[in-house]
Amino acid sequence: AAISWTGANTYYADSVKGRFTISR
């Protein structure tokens, strides 16, 4: 998973989408 510096954009691998959440 990844998150932009503002937190506005997040990206996930298909294998974790819907189960994992990234935040900052």
PDB file of all heavy atoms in Angstrom:
ATOM      1  N   ALA A   1       0.847  -1.192   0.000  1.00  0.00           N
ATOM      2  CA  ALA A   1       0.000   0.000   0.000  1.00  0.00           C
ATOM      3  C   ALA A   1       0.878   1.236   0.000  1.00  0.00           C
ATOM      4  O   ALA A   1       2.019   1.190   0.468  1.00  0.00           O
ATOM      5  CB  ALA A   1      -0.922   0.011   1.217  1.00  0.00           C
ATOM      6  N   ALA A   2       0.333   2.336  -0.512  1.00  0.00           N
ATOM      7  CA  ALA A   2       1.053   3.609  -0.522  1.00  0.00           C
ATOM      8  C   ALA A   2       0.062   4.740  -0.291  1.00  0.00           C
ATOM      9  O   ALA A   2      -1.140   4.598  -0.538  1.00  0.00           O
ATOM     10  CB  ALA A   2       1.803   3.808  -1.842  1.00  0.00           C
ATOM     11  N   ILE A   3       0.613   5.860   0.153  1.00  0.00           N
ATOM     12  CA  ILE A   3      -0.216   7.033   0.420  1.00  0.00           C
ATOM     13  C   ILE A   3       0.559   8.276   0.017  1.00  0.00           C
ATOM     14  O   ILE A   3       1.759   8.386   0.265  1.00  0.00           O
ATOM     15  CB  ILE A   3      -0.639   7.073   1.914  1.00  0.00           C
ATOM     16  CG1 ILE A   3      -1.648   8.178   2.186  1.00  0.00           C
ATOM     17  CG2 ILE A   3       0.581   7.190   2.830  1.00  0.00           C
ATOM     18  CD1 ILE A   3      -2.328   8.052   3.548  1.00  0.00           C
ATOM     19  N   SER A   4      -0.125   9.203  -0.634  1.00  0.00           N
ATOM     20  CA  SER A   4       0.510  10.452  -1.043  1.00  0.00           C
ATOM     21  C   SER A   4       0.834  11.301   0.175  1.00  0.00           C
ATOM     22  O   SER A   4       0.354  11.040   1.275  1.00  0.00           O
ATOM     23  CB  SER A   4      -0.414  11.211  -1.989  1.00  0.00           C
ATOM     24  OG  SER A   4      -1.619  11.561  -1.310  1.00  0.00           O
ATOM     25  N   TRP A   5       1.632  12.347  -0.041  1.00  0.00           N
ATOM     26  CA  TRP A   5       2.092  13.113   1.110  1.00  0.00           C
ATOM     27  C   TRP A   5       0.955  13.867   1.795  1.00  0.00           C
ATOM     28  O   TRP A   5       1.005  14.100   3.002  1.00  0.00           O
ATOM     29  CB  TRP A   5       3.202  14.079   0.708  1.00  0.00           C
ATOM     30  CG  TRP A   5       2.767  15.295  -0.037  1.00  0.00           C
ATOM     31  CD1 TRP A   5       2.562  15.415  -1.378  1.00  0.00           C
ATOM     32  CD2 TRP A   5       2.522  16.593   0.512  1.00  0.00           C
ATOM     33  NE1 TRP A   5       2.185  16.694  -1.697  1.00  0.00           N
ATOM     34  CE2 TRP A   5       2.157  17.444  -0.556  1.00  0.00           C
ATOM     35  CE3 TRP A   5       2.564  17.131   1.806  1.00  0.00           C
ATOM     36  CZ2 TRP A   5       1.852  18.787  -0.365  1.00  0.00           C
ATOM     37  CZ3 TRP A   5       2.263  18.465   1.991  1.00  0.00           C
ATOM     38  CH2 TRP A   5       1.905  19.272   0.905  1.00  0.00           C
ATOM     39  N   THR A   6      -0.100  14.189   1.044  1.00  0.00           N
ATOM     40  CA  THR A   6      -1.251  14.854   1.656  1.00  0.00           C
ATOM     41  C   THR A   6      -2.210  13.857   2.281  1.00  0.00           C
ATOM     42  O   THR A   6      -3.091  14.247   3.061  1.00  0.00           O
ATOM     43  CB  THR A   6      -2.026  15.653   0.610  1.00  0.00           C
ATOM     44  OG1 THR A   6      -2.550  14.738  -0.376  1.00  0.00           O
ATOM     45  CG2 THR A   6      -1.134  16.693  -0.054  1.00  0.00           C
ATOM     46  N   GLY A   7      -2.072  12.600   1.906  1.00  0.00           N
ATOM     47  CA  GLY A   7      -3.022  11.593   2.368  1.00  0.00           C
ATOM     48  C   GLY A   7      -4.252  11.477   1.486  1.00  0.00           C
ATOM     49  O   GLY A   7      -5.105  10.624   1.722  1.00  0.00           O
ATOM     50  N   ALA A   8      -4.329  12.308   0.452  1.00  0.00           N
ATOM     51  CA  ALA A   8      -5.524  12.334  -0.387  1.00  0.00           C
ATOM     52  C   ALA A   8      -5.624  11.120  -1.299  1.00  0.00           C
ATOM     53  O   ALA A   8      -6.716  10.717  -1.691  1.00  0.00           O
ATOM     54  CB  ALA A   8      -5.543  13.606  -1.219  1.00  0.00           C
ATOM     55  N   ASN A   9      -4.470  10.558  -1.654  1.00  0.00           N
ATOM     56  CA  ASN A   9      -4.453   9.429  -2.580  1.00  0.00           C
ATOM     57  C   ASN A   9      -3.838   8.198  -1.920  1.00  0.00           C
ATOM     58  O   ASN A   9      -2.783   8.298  -1.294  1.00  0.00           O
ATOM     59  CB  ASN A   9      -3.655   9.782  -3.831  1.00  0.00           C
ATOM     60  CG  ASN A   9      -4.264  10.943  -4.586  1.00  0.00           C
ATOM     61  OD1 ASN A   9      -5.435  10.896  -4.947  1.00  0.00           O
ATOM     62  ND2 ASN A   9      -3.495  11.980  -4.790  1.00  0.00           N
ATOM     63  N   THR A  10      -4.505   7.083  -2.063  1.00  0.00           N
ATOM     64  CA  THR A  10      -4.002   5.819  -1.545  1.00  0.00           C
ATOM     65  C   THR A  10      -4.013   4.770  -2.644  1.00  0.00           C
ATOM     66  O   THR A  10      -4.799   4.853  -3.593  1.00  0.00           O
ATOM     67  CB  THR A  10      -4.830   5.315  -0.355  1.00  0.00           C
ATOM     68  OG1 THR A  10      -6.203   5.206  -0.751  1.00  0.00           O
ATOM     69  CG2 THR A  10      -4.725   6.264   0.832  1.00  0.00           C
ATOM     70  N   TYR A  11      -3.125   3.814  -2.516  1.00  0.00           N
ATOM     71  CA  TYR A  11      -2.955   2.769  -3.516  1.00  0.00           C
ATOM     72  C   TYR A  11      -2.787   1.441  -2.773  1.00  0.00           C
ATOM     73  O   TYR A  11      -2.132   1.395  -1.733  1.00  0.00           O
ATOM     74  CB  TYR A  11      -1.698   3.044  -4.359  1.00  0.00           C
ATOM     75  CG  TYR A  11      -1.609   4.462  -4.867  1.00  0.00           C
ATOM     76  CD1 TYR A  11      -1.057   5.470  -4.078  1.00  0.00           C
ATOM     77  CD2 TYR A  11      -2.075   4.803  -6.135  1.00  0.00           C
ATOM     78  CE1 TYR A  11      -0.975   6.772  -4.528  1.00  0.00           C
ATOM     79  CE2 TYR A  11      -1.992   6.107  -6.597  1.00  0.00           C
ATOM     80  CZ  TYR A  11      -1.443   7.087  -5.781  1.00  0.00           C
ATOM     81  OH  TYR A  11      -1.374   8.382  -6.230  1.00  0.00           O
ATOM     82  N   TYR A  12      -3.359   0.388  -3.340  1.00  0.00           N
ATOM     83  CA  TYR A  12      -3.299  -0.915  -2.684  1.00  0.00           C
ATOM     84  C   TYR A  12      -3.007  -2.022  -3.685  1.00  0.00           C
ATOM     85  O   TYR A  12      -3.441  -1.961  -4.839  1.00  0.00           O
ATOM     86  CB  TYR A  12      -4.627  -1.237  -1.993  1.00  0.00           C
ATOM     87  CG  TYR A  12      -4.956  -0.310  -0.856  1.00  0.00           C
ATOM     88  CD1 TYR A  12      -5.760   0.806  -1.036  1.00  0.00           C
ATOM     89  CD2 TYR A  12      -4.439  -0.547   0.421  1.00  0.00           C
ATOM     90  CE1 TYR A  12      -6.046   1.666   0.001  1.00  0.00           C
ATOM     91  CE2 TYR A  12      -4.722   0.312   1.479  1.00  0.00           C
ATOM     92  CZ  TYR A  12      -5.525   1.415   1.257  1.00  0.00           C
ATOM     93  OH  TYR A  12      -5.805   2.264   2.305  1.00  0.00           O
ATOM     94  N   ALA A  13      -2.309  -3.028  -3.218  1.00  0.00           N
ATOM     95  CA  ALA A  13      -2.177  -4.246  -4.006  1.00  0.00           C
ATOM     96  C   ALA A  13      -3.536  -4.945  -4.020  1.00  0.00           C
ATOM     97  O   ALA A  13      -4.289  -4.868  -3.041  1.00  0.00           O
ATOM     98  CB  ALA A  13      -1.127  -5.158  -3.372  1.00  0.00           C
ATOM     99  N   ASP A  14      -3.833  -5.617  -5.103  1.00  0.00           N
ATOM    100  CA  ASP A  14      -5.121  -6.306  -5.217  1.00  0.00           C
ATOM    101  C   ASP A  14      -5.327  -7.303  -4.083  1.00  0.00           C
ATOM    102  O   ASP A  14      -6.443  -7.509  -3.619  1.00  0.00           O
ATOM    103  CB  ASP A  14      -5.213  -7.028  -6.558  1.00  0.00           C
ATOM    104  CG  ASP A  14      -5.374  -6.053  -7.722  1.00  0.00           C
ATOM    105  OD1 ASP A  14      -5.745  -4.889  -7.480  1.00  0.00           O
ATOM    106  OD2 ASP A  14      -5.131  -6.472  -8.867  1.00  0.00           O
ATOM    107  N   SER A  15      -4.253  -7.920  -3.646  1.00  0.00           N
ATOM    108  CA  SER A  15      -4.355  -8.968  -2.629  1.00  0.00           C
ATOM    109  C   SER A  15      -4.780  -8.456  -1.265  1.00  0.00           C
ATOM    110  O   SER A  15      -5.214  -9.247  -0.409  1.00  0.00           O
ATOM    111  CB  SER A  15      -3.025  -9.706  -2.508  1.00  0.00           C
ATOM    112  OG  SER A  15      -1.992  -8.794  -2.163  1.00  0.00           O
ATOM    113  N   VAL A  16      -4.651  -7.144  -1.040  1.00  0.00           N
ATOM    114  CA  VAL A  16      -4.992  -6.596   0.288  1.00  0.00           C
ATOM    115  C   VAL A  16      -6.141  -5.595   0.228  1.00  0.00           C
ATOM    116  O   VAL A  16      -6.622  -5.150   1.281  1.00  0.00           O
ATOM    117  CB  VAL A  16      -3.772  -5.935   0.963  1.00  0.00           C
ATOM    118  CG1 VAL A  16      -2.589  -6.900   1.006  1.00  0.00           C
ATOM    119  CG2 VAL A  16      -3.386  -4.632   0.275  1.00  0.00           C
ATOM    120  N   LYS A  17      -6.571  -5.259  -0.975  1.00  0.00           N
ATOM    121  CA  LYS A  17      -7.625  -4.260  -1.132  1.00  0.00           C
ATOM    122  C   LYS A  17      -8.881  -4.703  -0.397  1.00  0.00           C
ATOM    123  O   LYS A  17      -9.321  -5.836  -0.523  1.00  0.00           O
ATOM    124  CB  LYS A  17      -7.906  -4.063  -2.618  1.00  0.00           C
ATOM    125  CG  LYS A  17      -8.611  -2.764  -2.958  1.00  0.00           C
ATOM    126  CD  LYS A  17      -8.683  -2.588  -4.466  1.00  0.00           C
ATOM    127  CE  LYS A  17      -7.320  -2.407  -5.092  1.00  0.00           C
ATOM    128  NZ  LYS A  17      -7.384  -2.153  -6.545  1.00  0.00           N
ATOM    129  N   GLY A  18      -9.446  -3.792   0.388  1.00  0.00           N
ATOM    130  CA  GLY A  18     -10.641  -4.098   1.158  1.00  0.00           C
ATOM    131  C   GLY A  18     -10.359  -4.668   2.532  1.00  0.00           C
ATOM    132  O   GLY A  18     -11.252  -4.733   3.381  1.00  0.00           O
ATOM    133  N   ARG A  19      -9.114  -5.084   2.759  1.00  0.00           N
ATOM    134  CA  ARG A  19      -8.737  -5.630   4.081  1.00  0.00           C
ATOM    135  C   ARG A  19      -7.756  -4.731   4.813  1.00  0.00           C
ATOM    136  O   ARG A  19      -7.776  -4.642   6.040  1.00  0.00           O
ATOM    137  CB  ARG A  19      -8.107  -7.017   3.917  1.00  0.00           C
ATOM    138  CG  ARG A  19      -9.022  -8.047   3.297  1.00  0.00           C
ATOM    139  CD  ARG A  19      -8.396  -9.444   3.347  1.00  0.00           C
ATOM    140  NE  ARG A  19      -7.158  -9.530   2.604  1.00  0.00           N
ATOM    141  CZ  ARG A  19      -5.994  -9.932   3.114  1.00  0.00           C
ATOM    142  NH1 ARG A  19      -5.916 -10.280   4.402  1.00  0.00           N
ATOM    143  NH2 ARG A  19      -4.908  -9.998   2.355  1.00  0.00           N
ATOM    144  N   PHE A  20      -6.853  -4.092   4.061  1.00  0.00           N
ATOM    145  CA  PHE A  20      -5.829  -3.240   4.649  1.00  0.00           C
ATOM    146  C   PHE A  20      -6.157  -1.774   4.374  1.00  0.00           C
ATOM    147  O   PHE A  20      -6.698  -1.438   3.320  1.00  0.00           O
ATOM    148  CB  PHE A  20      -4.456  -3.536   4.045  1.00  0.00           C
ATOM    149  CG  PHE A  20      -3.873  -4.877   4.424  1.00  0.00           C
ATOM    150  CD1 PHE A  20      -4.619  -5.857   5.053  1.00  0.00           C
ATOM    151  CD2 PHE A  20      -2.548  -5.163   4.103  1.00  0.00           C
ATOM    152  CE1 PHE A  20      -4.066  -7.080   5.380  1.00  0.00           C
ATOM    153  CE2 PHE A  20      -1.987  -6.379   4.420  1.00  0.00           C
ATOM    154  CZ  PHE A  20      -2.757  -7.336   5.062  1.00  0.00           C
ATOM    155  N   THR A  21      -5.779  -0.919   5.321  1.00  0.00           N
ATOM    156  CA  THR A  21      -5.969   0.518   5.154  1.00  0.00           C
ATOM    157  C   THR A  21      -4.702   1.246   5.581  1.00  0.00           C
ATOM    158  O   THR A  21      -4.206   1.038   6.690  1.00  0.00           O
ATOM    159  CB  THR A  21      -7.143   1.028   5.999  1.00  0.00           C
ATOM    160  OG1 THR A  21      -8.333   0.321   5.639  1.00  0.00           O
ATOM    161  CG2 THR A  21      -7.352   2.520   5.767  1.00  0.00           C
ATOM    162  N   ILE A  22      -4.195   2.088   4.687  1.00  0.00           N
ATOM    163  CA  ILE A  22      -3.030   2.888   5.004  1.00  0.00           C
ATOM    164  C   ILE A  22      -3.482   4.291   5.385  1.00  0.00           C
ATOM    165  O   ILE A  22      -4.420   4.836   4.806  1.00  0.00           O
ATOM    166  CB  ILE A  22      -2.033   2.909   3.818  1.00  0.00           C
ATOM    167  CG1 ILE A  22      -0.711   3.549   4.225  1.00  0.00           C
ATOM    168  CG2 ILE A  22      -2.637   3.604   2.596  1.00  0.00           C
ATOM    169  CD1 ILE A  22       0.392   3.392   3.171  1.00  0.00           C
ATOM    170  N   SER A  23      -2.800   4.869   6.366  1.00  0.00           N
ATOM    171  CA  SER A  23      -3.126   6.230   6.803  1.00  0.00           C
ATOM    172  C   SER A  23      -1.851   6.892   7.301  1.00  0.00           C
ATOM    173  O   SER A  23      -0.848   6.208   7.564  1.00  0.00           O
ATOM    174  CB  SER A  23      -4.187   6.191   7.907  1.00  0.00           C
ATOM    175  OG  SER A  23      -3.713   5.479   9.038  1.00  0.00           O
ATOM    176  N   ARG A  24      -1.901   8.201   7.442  1.00  0.00           N
ATOM    177  CA  ARG A  24      -0.710   8.907   7.917  1.00  0.00           C
ATOM    178  C   ARG A  24      -1.115  10.063   8.813  1.00  0.00           C
ATOM    179  O   ARG A  24      -2.225  10.591   8.722  1.00  0.00           O
ATOM    180  CB  ARG A  24       0.126   9.401   6.743  1.00  0.00           C
ATOM    181  CG  ARG A  24      -0.507  10.459   5.889  1.00  0.00           C
ATOM    182  CD  ARG A  24       0.363  10.753   4.668  1.00  0.00           C
ATOM    183  NE  ARG A  24       1.654  11.308   5.062  1.00  0.00           N
ATOM    184  CZ  ARG A  24       2.750  11.254   4.283  1.00  0.00           C
ATOM    185  NH1 ARG A  24       2.687  10.664   3.109  1.00  0.00           N
ATOM    186  NH2 ARG A  24       3.875  11.795   4.688  1.00  0.00           N
TER     187      ARG A  24
END
